[in-house]
C-alpha atoms as a PDB file:
ATOM      1  CA  GLN A   1      -9.030 -13.350  -3.117  1.00  0.00           C
ATOM      2  CA  LYS A   2     -10.424 -13.305   0.427  1.00  0.00           C
ATOM      3  CA  THR A   3      -7.049 -14.363   1.838  1.00  0.00           C
ATOM      4  CA  LYS A   4      -5.278 -11.570  -0.057  1.00  0.00           C
ATOM      5  CA  LYS A   5      -7.701  -8.973   1.325  1.00  0.00           C
ATOM      6  CA  THR A   6      -7.157 -10.128   4.915  1.00  0.00           C
ATOM      7  CA  GLU A   7      -3.385 -10.074   4.402  1.00  0.00           C
ATOM      8  CA  MET A   8      -3.533  -6.483   3.154  1.00  0.00           C
ATOM      9  CA  LEU A   9      -5.568  -5.444   6.210  1.00  0.00           C
ATOM     10  CA  ASP A  10      -2.607  -5.883   8.567  1.00  0.00           C
ATOM     11  CA  GLY A  11      -1.413  -2.817  10.494  1.00  0.00           C
ATOM     12  CA  PRO A  12      -2.936   0.309  12.068  1.00  0.00           C
ATOM     13  CA  PRO A  13      -6.480   1.366  11.010  1.00  0.00           C
ATOM     14  CA  GLY A  14      -5.042   4.411   9.226  1.00  0.00           C
ATOM     15  CA  GLU A  15      -2.816   2.293   6.998  1.00  0.00           C
ATOM     16  CA  VAL A  16      -5.653  -0.175   6.414  1.00  0.00           C
ATOM     17  CA  ALA A  17      -7.928   2.657   5.284  1.00  0.00           C
ATOM     18  CA  LYS A  18      -5.256   3.960   2.891  1.00  0.00           C
ATOM     19  CA  LYS A  19      -4.781   0.486   1.438  1.00  0.00           C
ATOM     20  CA  LEU A  20      -8.539   0.081   0.969  1.00  0.00           C
ATOM     21  CA  VAL A  21      -8.769   3.480  -0.762  1.00  0.00           C
ATOM     22  CA  ASP A  22      -5.817   2.675  -3.042  1.00  0.00           C
ATOM     23  CA  ARG A  23      -7.383  -0.682  -3.874  1.00  0.00           C
ATOM     24  CA  LEU A  24     -10.758   0.897  -4.679  1.00  0.00           C
ATOM     25  CA  ARG A  25      -9.029   3.451  -6.932  1.00  0.00           C
ATOM     26  CA  ASN A  26      -7.166   0.680  -8.755  1.00  0.00           C
ATOM     27  CA  GLU A  27     -10.385  -1.312  -9.200  1.00  0.00           C
ATOM     28  CA  VAL A  28     -12.165   1.769 -10.577  1.00  0.00           C
ATOM     29  CA  ARG A  29      -9.322   2.352 -13.048  1.00  0.00           C
ATOM     30  CA  VAL A  30      -9.580  -1.245 -14.257  1.00  0.00           C
ATOM     31  CA  LEU A  31     -13.341  -0.939 -14.673  1.00  0.00           C
END
């Protein structure tokens, strides 16, 4: 899972932040 996270963190900080937010939202939905 660590490798997947680092792969998703590629790109400008703005895009990285959006990806992190989307991922957190998805995790919350699953929980």
